[in-house]
Amino acid sequence: MTTTVPRAGHPTRRTAVVLVVLAVACMAAGTTAILAGTSGGGTPPPQPGPAAMGQMPDHMAGSAMPAPPVTSSSPQAAPSGTPALPASRPTRLDIPAIGVHTDLLDLGLNEDGSLEVPGKPLQAGWFHGSPTPGQTGPAVILGHVDSYATGPAVFYRLGAMKPHQQIRVTRVDRTTAVFTVDAVRSYPKKTFPTLDVYGNTPDPELRLITCSDWNPHTHSYQGNTIVYAHLTT
C-alpha cells in the first residue's frame, strides 16, 4: 500500500509522503560501498552515533514534538528568532563538515504520485513540494548514499554529522540560508517519521535524508538517516 504526496498547493501537502519511495531509492542506488566493505575494499557509510542521536542542543531542551502515530520520537527546533526568507529556489548545497558541495536538482512527483528521487548519485535534490530553504516550514533535500557507478555518493557521510554543525543553501535570489544542525537520527523504514519530516513547522527548518542500515541478505538499505536543522542566518 502506498501513500502519495498531495499535489502542490493543497493545504496538507506536507503531511504525507510515499513511505516506500525512499526504500525504493535505497535499493536502486545503494550497494557498491557496502559490497566493497564486506570484501575488504572499503568501509560502510558512517551511522549516527549515540551522542548525535540522543542529545539535544541547549536551545531545544524541553521542546520535543510529540511523536505522530507509528513514528519514533523526533526533535523539533525551538523558535530561533531568525526571520523567514521569501520563496526562492535553492541552487546549491554546501556542508563543510562532511565535504559536501553540490548543485541541487529539482525533484517533484512521479506520474503515480510518488516522490521523485535524484537521478545523479553525486547530486542532491530539493523536493519542490516542500518550502524553499529559508521559508517557514521544513525544506526537504534528498541524496543517495552510494551507487554502482560512483561508489560513495553525495550523502555518503551524512550519518557522521553532529549537532551545531552548519549547512549552507544558496538560492536563486543570491541569498545563502545558513542552517544549524539540531540532531541526526536513523530510523527503520517501517517507522519513518513522516509528519516530523514533512509536516508544517512554525519556523524555517531543513531536513536532509539518505539511506542507512544495509542488509546484506536482501541487498538493500533498511532505514533512513535524517538530519534536522533550523535557520540561523
C-alpha atoms as a PDB file:
ATOM      1  CA  MET A   1       0.000   0.000   0.000  1.00  0.00           C
ATOM      2  CA  THR A   2       1.359   3.404  -0.989  1.00  0.00           C
ATOM      3  CA  THR A   3       0.585   6.820   0.445  1.00  0.00           C
ATOM      4  CA  THR A   4       1.100   9.599  -2.082  1.00  0.00           C
ATOM      5  CA  VAL A   5       2.162  13.186  -1.674  1.00  0.00           C
ATOM      6  CA  PRO A   6      -0.757  15.559  -2.323  1.00  0.00           C
ATOM      7  CA  ARG A   7      -0.148  17.934  -5.206  1.00  0.00           C
ATOM      8  CA  ALA A   8       1.480  21.308  -4.587  1.00  0.00           C
ATOM      9  CA  GLY A   9      -0.949  23.929  -3.345  1.00  0.00           C
ATOM     10  CA  HIS A  10      -3.014  21.505  -1.277  1.00  0.00           C
ATOM     11  CA  PRO A  11      -3.129  22.691   2.381  1.00  0.00           C
ATOM     12  CA  THR A  12      -1.941  19.308   3.648  1.00  0.00           C
ATOM     13  CA  ARG A  13       0.725  18.673   1.036  1.00  0.00           C
ATOM     14  CA  ARG A  14       3.482  18.172   3.640  1.00  0.00           C
ATOM     15  CA  THR A  15       1.601  15.817   5.974  1.00  0.00           C
ATOM     16  CA  ALA A  16       2.008  12.651   3.879  1.00  0.00           C
ATOM     17  CA  VAL A  17       4.704  11.047   1.738  1.00  0.00           C
ATOM     18  CA  VAL A  18       5.373   7.852  -0.114  1.00  0.00           C
ATOM     19  CA  LEU A  19       6.912   5.679   2.584  1.00  0.00           C
ATOM     20  CA  VAL A  20       8.107   3.062   0.115  1.00  0.00           C
ATOM     21  CA  VAL A  21       9.712   5.539  -2.247  1.00  0.00           C
ATOM     22  CA  LEU A  22      12.722   6.173  -0.040  1.00  0.00           C
ATOM     23  CA  ALA A  23      13.129   2.430   0.304  1.00  0.00           C
ATOM     24  CA  VAL A  24      12.977   2.004  -3.461  1.00  0.00           C
ATOM     25  CA  ALA A  25      15.566   4.773  -3.849  1.00  0.00           C
ATOM     26  CA  CYS A  26      17.862   2.999  -1.417  1.00  0.00           C
ATOM     27  CA  MET A  27      17.557  -0.283  -3.279  1.00  0.00           C
ATOM     28  CA  ALA A  28      18.159   1.345  -6.649  1.00  0.00           C
ATOM     29  CA  ALA A  29      21.199   3.384  -5.691  1.00  0.00           C
ATOM     30  CA  GLY A  30      22.935   1.596  -2.883  1.00  0.00           C
ATOM     31  CA  THR A  31      25.226  -1.406  -2.703  1.00  0.00           C
ATOM     32  CA  THR A  32      28.629  -0.554  -4.097  1.00  0.00           C
ATOM     33  CA  ALA A  33      30.140   0.888  -0.929  1.00  0.00           C
ATOM     34  CA  ILE A  34      28.704  -1.841   1.294  1.00  0.00           C
ATOM     35  CA  LEU A  35      29.832  -4.612  -1.023  1.00  0.00           C
ATOM     36  CA  ALA A  36      33.297  -3.067  -1.071  1.00  0.00           C
ATOM     37  CA  GLY A  37      33.256  -3.017   2.717  1.00  0.00           C
ATOM     38  CA  THR A  38      32.333  -6.673   3.035  1.00  0.00           C
ATOM     39  CA  SER A  39      35.022  -7.689   0.582  1.00  0.00           C
ATOM     40  CA  GLY A  40      37.757  -5.737   2.331  1.00  0.00           C
ATOM     41  CA  GLY A  41      37.898  -2.928  -0.247  1.00  0.00           C
ATOM     42  CA  GLY A  42      36.175  -0.226   1.791  1.00  0.00           C
ATOM     43  CA  THR A  43      34.016   0.645   4.763  1.00  0.00           C
ATOM     44  CA  PRO A  44      30.251   1.122   5.171  1.00  0.00           C
ATOM     45  CA  PRO A  45      28.786   4.639   5.375  1.00  0.00           C
ATOM     46  CA  PRO A  46      29.021   6.202   8.857  1.00  0.00           C
ATOM     47  CA  GLN A  47      25.904   5.986  11.013  1.00  0.00           C
ATOM     48  CA  PRO A  48      24.687   8.475  13.634  1.00  0.00           C
ATOM     49  CA  GLY A  49      26.437   7.832  16.945  1.00  0.00           C
ATOM     50  CA  PRO A  50      24.726   7.732  20.360  1.00  0.00           C
ATOM     51  CA  ALA A  51      25.581  11.367  21.085  1.00  0.00           C
ATOM     52  CA  ALA A  52      24.186  12.590  17.778  1.00  0.00           C
ATOM     53  CA  MET A  53      21.041  10.518  18.204  1.00  0.00           C
ATOM     54  CA  GLY A  54      20.320  11.077  21.863  1.00  0.00           C
ATOM     55  CA  GLN A  55      21.441  14.549  22.883  1.00  0.00           C
ATOM     56  CA  MET A  56      19.632  17.791  22.157  1.00  0.00           C
ATOM     57  CA  PRO A  57      21.311  21.196  21.910  1.00  0.00           C
ATOM     58  CA  ASP A  58      20.520  23.576  24.798  1.00  0.00           C
ATOM     59  CA  HIS A  59      18.061  25.647  22.769  1.00  0.00           C
ATOM     60  CA  MET A  60      15.946  22.523  22.151  1.00  0.00           C
ATOM     61  CA  ALA A  61      15.625  21.399  25.764  1.00  0.00           C
ATOM     62  CA  GLY A  62      12.020  20.711  26.716  1.00  0.00           C
ATOM     63  CA  SER A  63      10.690  21.442  23.236  1.00  0.00           C
ATOM     64  CA  ALA A  64      10.447  17.973  21.675  1.00  0.00           C
ATOM     65  CA  MET A  65       7.490  17.467  19.334  1.00  0.00           C
ATOM     66  CA  PRO A  66       5.046  14.720  20.346  1.00  0.00           C
ATOM     67  CA  ALA A  67       5.685  11.702  18.159  1.00  0.00           C
ATOM     68  CA  PRO A  68       2.997  11.116  15.498  1.00  0.00           C
ATOM     69  CA  PRO A  69       1.430   7.653  15.136  1.00  0.00           C
ATOM     70  CA  VAL A  70       3.789   4.826  14.083  1.00  0.00           C
ATOM     71  CA  THR A  71       6.891   7.002  14.238  1.00  0.00           C
ATOM     72  CA  SER A  72       9.849   7.337  16.544  1.00  0.00           C
ATOM     73  CA  SER A  73      10.310  10.468  18.633  1.00  0.00           C
ATOM     74  CA  SER A  74      11.951  13.188  16.557  1.00  0.00           C
ATOM     75  CA  PRO A  75      13.490  16.510  17.534  1.00  0.00           C
ATOM     76  CA  GLN A  76      11.864  19.865  16.917  1.00  0.00           C
ATOM     77  CA  ALA A  77      13.943  23.016  16.952  1.00  0.00           C
ATOM     78  CA  ALA A  78      12.886  25.755  19.346  1.00  0.00           C
ATOM     79  CA  PRO A  79      11.923  29.077  17.698  1.00  0.00           C
ATOM     80  CA  SER A  80      15.186  30.605  16.520  1.00  0.00           C
ATOM     81  CA  GLY A  81      14.021  34.194  16.158  1.00  0.00           C
ATOM     82  CA  THR A  82      15.596  34.283  12.686  1.00  0.00           C
ATOM     83  CA  PRO A  83      13.170  35.889  10.195  1.00  0.00           C
ATOM     84  CA  ALA A  84      11.946  33.623   7.421  1.00  0.00           C
ATOM     85  CA  LEU A  85      13.102  34.350   3.884  1.00  0.00           C
ATOM     86  CA  PRO A  86      10.820  34.820   0.864  1.00  0.00           C
ATOM     87  CA  ALA A  87      10.470  31.934  -1.557  1.00  0.00           C
ATOM     88  CA  SER A  88      13.480  31.362  -3.815  1.00  0.00           C
ATOM     89  CA  ARG A  89      14.518  28.102  -5.457  1.00  0.00           C
ATOM     90  CA  PRO A  90      17.700  26.560  -3.981  1.00  0.00           C
ATOM     91  CA  THR A  91      20.588  26.022  -6.364  1.00  0.00           C
ATOM     92  CA  ARG A  92      23.482  24.746  -4.237  1.00  0.00           C
ATOM     93  CA  LEU A  93      24.148  22.841  -1.011  1.00  0.00           C
ATOM     94  CA  ASP A  94      27.395  23.116   0.985  1.00  0.00           C
ATOM     95  CA  ILE A  95      28.152  21.113   4.151  1.00  0.00           C
ATOM     96  CA  PRO A  96      31.816  21.777   5.032  1.00  0.00           C
ATOM     97  CA  ALA A  97      31.867  19.324   7.960  1.00  0.00           C
ATOM     98  CA  ILE A  98      31.386  16.321   5.656  1.00  0.00           C
ATOM     99  CA  GLY A  99      32.828  17.714   2.430  1.00  0.00           C
ATOM    100  CA  VAL A 100      29.542  18.063   0.539  1.00  0.00           C
ATOM    101  CA  HIS A 101      29.471  20.700  -2.226  1.00  0.00           C
ATOM    102  CA  THR A 102      26.758  20.067  -4.796  1.00  0.00           C
ATOM    103  CA  ASP A 103      24.406  21.825  -7.164  1.00  0.00           C
ATOM    104  CA  LEU A 104      20.809  20.913  -6.399  1.00  0.00           C
ATOM    105  CA  LEU A 105      18.427  19.062  -8.670  1.00  0.00           C
ATOM    106  CA  ASP A 106      14.728  19.950  -8.670  1.00  0.00           C
ATOM    107  CA  LEU A 107      12.604  16.976  -7.517  1.00  0.00           C
ATOM    108  CA  GLY A 108       8.868  16.611  -7.921  1.00  0.00           C
ATOM    109  CA  LEU A 109       6.348  13.796  -8.183  1.00  0.00           C
ATOM    110  CA  ASN A 110       6.286  10.781 -10.482  1.00  0.00           C
ATOM    111  CA  GLU A 111       3.227  10.007 -12.578  1.00  0.00           C
ATOM    112  CA  ASP A 112       1.909   7.669  -9.880  1.00  0.00           C
ATOM    113  CA  GLY A 113       2.103  10.475  -7.307  1.00  0.00           C
ATOM    114  CA  SER A 114       5.223   9.103  -5.638  1.00  0.00           C
ATOM    115  CA  LEU A 115       8.198  11.231  -4.660  1.00  0.00           C
ATOM    116  CA  GLU A 116      10.912  11.609  -7.291  1.00  0.00           C
ATOM    117  CA  VAL A 117      14.489  10.876  -6.208  1.00  0.00           C
ATOM    118  CA  PRO A 118      17.778  12.291  -7.543  1.00  0.00           C
ATOM    119  CA  GLY A 119      18.836  10.809 -10.868  1.00  0.00           C
ATOM    120  CA  LYS A 120      22.502  11.642 -10.280  1.00  0.00           C
ATOM    121  CA  PRO A 121      24.301   9.933  -7.364  1.00  0.00           C
ATOM    122  CA  LEU A 122      26.715  12.826  -6.818  1.00  0.00           C
ATOM    123  CA  GLN A 123      23.995  15.494  -6.699  1.00  0.00           C
ATOM    124  CA  ALA A 124      21.367  16.078  -4.037  1.00  0.00           C
ATOM    125  CA  GLY A 125      17.893  17.335  -4.878  1.00  0.00           C
ATOM    126  CA  TRP A 126      15.319  19.651  -3.310  1.00  0.00           C
ATOM    127  CA  PHE A 127      11.712  18.389  -3.196  1.00  0.00           C
ATOM    128  CA  HIS A 128       9.740  21.297  -4.663  1.00  0.00           C
ATOM    129  CA  GLY A 129       6.581  20.228  -2.832  1.00  0.00           C
ATOM    130  CA  SER A 130       8.296  21.462   0.348  1.00  0.00           C
ATOM    131  CA  PRO A 131       9.134  25.097   1.206  1.00  0.00           C
ATOM    132  CA  THR A 132      12.234  26.623  -0.327  1.00  0.00           C
ATOM    133  CA  PRO A 133      15.101  26.624   2.198  1.00  0.00           C
ATOM    134  CA  GLY A 134      14.676  29.646   4.472  1.00  0.00           C
ATOM    135  CA  GLN A 135      10.903  29.819   4.121  1.00  0.00           C
ATOM    136  CA  THR A 136       8.713  28.932   7.089  1.00  0.00           C
ATOM    137  CA  GLY A 137       8.339  25.143   7.281  1.00  0.00           C
ATOM    138  CA  PRO A 138      10.615  22.171   6.588  1.00  0.00           C
ATOM    139  CA  ALA A 139      12.572  22.285   3.333  1.00  0.00           C
ATOM    140  CA  VAL A 140      13.439  18.742   2.236  1.00  0.00           C
ATOM    141  CA  ILE A 141      16.642  17.716   0.420  1.00  0.00           C
ATOM    142  CA  LEU A 142      17.366  14.112  -0.602  1.00  0.00           C
ATOM    143  CA  GLY A 143      20.560  12.414  -1.692  1.00  0.00           C
ATOM    144  CA  HIS A 144      21.879   8.908  -2.364  1.00  0.00           C
ATOM    145  CA  VAL A 145      24.364   7.250  -0.030  1.00  0.00           C
ATOM    146  CA  ASP A 146      26.183   5.277  -2.748  1.00  0.00           C
ATOM    147  CA  SER A 147      25.777   3.796  -6.217  1.00  0.00           C
ATOM    148  CA  TYR A 148      27.176   1.140  -8.533  1.00  0.00           C
ATOM    149  CA  ALA A 149      28.603   3.848 -10.787  1.00  0.00           C
ATOM    150  CA  THR A 150      30.305   6.107  -8.250  1.00  0.00           C
ATOM    151  CA  GLY A 151      30.769   4.124  -5.037  1.00  0.00           C
ATOM    152  CA  PRO A 152      30.217   6.724  -2.280  1.00  0.00           C
ATOM    153  CA  ALA A 153      27.527   9.193  -3.353  1.00  0.00           C
ATOM    154  CA  VAL A 154      26.706  12.747  -2.273  1.00  0.00           C
ATOM    155  CA  PHE A 155      25.307  11.876   1.186  1.00  0.00           C
ATOM    156  CA  TYR A 156      27.706   9.025   1.971  1.00  0.00           C
ATOM    157  CA  ARG A 157      28.905  10.790   5.150  1.00  0.00           C
ATOM    158  CA  LEU A 158      25.565  12.269   6.234  1.00  0.00           C
ATOM    159  CA  GLY A 159      25.433   9.953   9.264  1.00  0.00           C
ATOM    160  CA  ALA A 160      28.685  11.464  10.540  1.00  0.00           C
ATOM    161  CA  MET A 161      27.141  14.906  11.052  1.00  0.00           C
ATOM    162  CA  LYS A 162      26.761  16.289  14.581  1.00  0.00           C
ATOM    163  CA  PRO A 163      24.622  18.932  16.291  1.00  0.00           C
ATOM    164  CA  HIS A 164      25.767  22.565  15.926  1.00  0.00           C
ATOM    165  CA  GLN A 165      27.418  21.987  12.531  1.00  0.00           C
ATOM    166  CA  GLN A 166      26.388  24.307   9.696  1.00  0.00           C
ATOM    167  CA  ILE A 167      24.603  23.693   6.407  1.00  0.00           C
ATOM    168  CA  ARG A 168      24.555  26.376   3.708  1.00  0.00           C
ATOM    169  CA  VAL A 169      21.970  26.561   0.921  1.00  0.00           C
ATOM    170  CA  THR A 170      22.471  29.066  -1.899  1.00  0.00           C
ATOM    171  CA  ARG A 171      19.295  30.309  -3.588  1.00  0.00           C
ATOM    172  CA  VAL A 172      18.352  31.845  -6.945  1.00  0.00           C
ATOM    173  CA  ASP A 173      17.921  35.270  -5.307  1.00  0.00           C
ATOM    174  CA  ARG A 174      21.649  35.145  -4.401  1.00  0.00           C
ATOM    175  CA  THR A 175      20.987  34.811  -0.688  1.00  0.00           C
ATOM    176  CA  THR A 176      22.509  31.984   1.343  1.00  0.00           C
ATOM    177  CA  ALA A 177      20.347  30.346   4.008  1.00  0.00           C
ATOM    178  CA  VAL A 178      22.551  29.057   6.831  1.00  0.00           C
ATOM    179  CA  PHE A 179      21.140  26.259   8.976  1.00  0.00           C
ATOM    180  CA  THR A 180      22.455  24.800  12.238  1.00  0.00           C
ATOM    181  CA  VAL A 181      22.073  21.057  12.874  1.00  0.00           C
ATOM    182  CA  ASP A 182      19.795  20.136  15.790  1.00  0.00           C
ATOM    183  CA  ALA A 183      20.025  16.347  15.636  1.00  0.00           C
ATOM    184  CA  VAL A 184      20.977  13.398  13.414  1.00  0.00           C
ATOM    185  CA  ARG A 185      18.736  10.333  13.609  1.00  0.00           C
ATOM    186  CA  SER A 186      18.446   6.928  11.974  1.00  0.00           C
ATOM    187  CA  TYR A 187      15.080   5.171  11.569  1.00  0.00           C
ATOM    188  CA  PRO A 188      13.904   1.822  10.208  1.00  0.00           C
ATOM    189  CA  LYS A 189      11.797   2.245   7.071  1.00  0.00           C
ATOM    190  CA  LYS A 190       8.681   0.995   8.863  1.00  0.00           C
ATOM    191  CA  THR A 191       8.905   3.810  11.427  1.00  0.00           C
ATOM    192  CA  PHE A 192       9.909   6.624   9.074  1.00  0.00           C
ATOM    193  CA  PRO A 193       8.766   9.812  10.897  1.00  0.00           C
ATOM    194  CA  THR A 194       6.580  11.163   8.095  1.00  0.00           C
ATOM    195  CA  LEU A 195       4.944  14.028   9.953  1.00  0.00           C
ATOM    196  CA  ASP A 196       8.141  15.112  11.687  1.00  0.00           C
ATOM    197  CA  VAL A 197       9.940  15.323   8.355  1.00  0.00           C
ATOM    198  CA  TYR A 198       7.248  16.757   6.074  1.00  0.00           C
ATOM    199  CA  GLY A 199       4.723  18.286   8.493  1.00  0.00           C
ATOM    200  CA  ASN A 200       4.347  22.044   8.873  1.00  0.00           C
ATOM    201  CA  THR A 201       6.576  23.851  11.377  1.00  0.00           C
ATOM    202  CA  PRO A 202       6.294  27.433  12.715  1.00  0.00           C
ATOM    203  CA  ASP A 203       9.894  28.320  11.792  1.00  0.00           C
ATOM    204  CA  PRO A 204      12.246  27.796   8.831  1.00  0.00           C
ATOM    205  CA  GLU A 205      13.774  24.329   9.099  1.00  0.00           C
ATOM    206  CA  LEU A 206      15.674  21.846   6.938  1.00  0.00           C
ATOM    207  CA  ARG A 207      15.645  18.058   6.542  1.00  0.00           C
ATOM    208  CA  LEU A 208      18.398  16.103   4.791  1.00  0.00           C
ATOM    209  CA  ILE A 209      17.565  12.466   4.002  1.00  0.00           C
ATOM    210  CA  THR A 210      19.559   9.461   2.797  1.00  0.00           C
ATOM    211  CA  CYS A 211      19.616   5.674   3.194  1.00  0.00           C
ATOM    212  CA  SER A 212      21.019   3.656   6.108  1.00  0.00           C
ATOM    213  CA  ASP A 213      21.195   0.181   7.659  1.00  0.00           C
ATOM    214  CA  TRP A 214      22.468  -2.081   4.886  1.00  0.00           C
ATOM    215  CA  ASN A 215      21.048  -5.605   4.887  1.00  0.00           C
ATOM    216  CA  PRO A 216      23.472  -7.995   3.140  1.00  0.00           C
ATOM    217  CA  HIS A 217      20.779 -10.687   2.878  1.00  0.00           C
ATOM    218  CA  THR A 218      18.281  -8.549   0.936  1.00  0.00           C
ATOM    219  CA  HIS A 219      20.953  -6.381  -0.712  1.00  0.00           C
ATOM    220  CA  SER A 220      19.084  -3.245   0.259  1.00  0.00           C
ATOM    221  CA  TYR A 221      19.100  -0.472   2.833  1.00  0.00           C
ATOM    222  CA  GLN A 222      16.549  -0.943   5.594  1.00  0.00           C
ATOM    223  CA  GLY A 223      16.374   2.563   7.008  1.00  0.00           C
ATOM    224  CA  ASN A 224      16.946   6.263   6.561  1.00  0.00           C
ATOM    225  CA  THR A 225      19.301   8.765   8.156  1.00  0.00           C
ATOM    226  CA  ILE A 226      17.755  12.196   8.694  1.00  0.00           C
ATOM    227  CA  VAL A 227      19.456  15.454   9.647  1.00  0.00           C
ATOM    228  CA  TYR A 228      17.234  18.051  11.349  1.00  0.00           C
ATOM    229  CA  ALA A 229      18.347  21.685  11.226  1.00  0.00           C
ATOM    230  CA  HIS A 230      16.937  25.185  11.764  1.00  0.00           C
ATOM    231  CA  LEU A 231      17.652  28.511  10.059  1.00  0.00           C
ATOM    232  CA  THR A 232      20.150  30.664  11.942  1.00  0.00           C
ATOM    233  CA  THR A 233      21.412  33.200   9.379  1.00  0.00           C
END
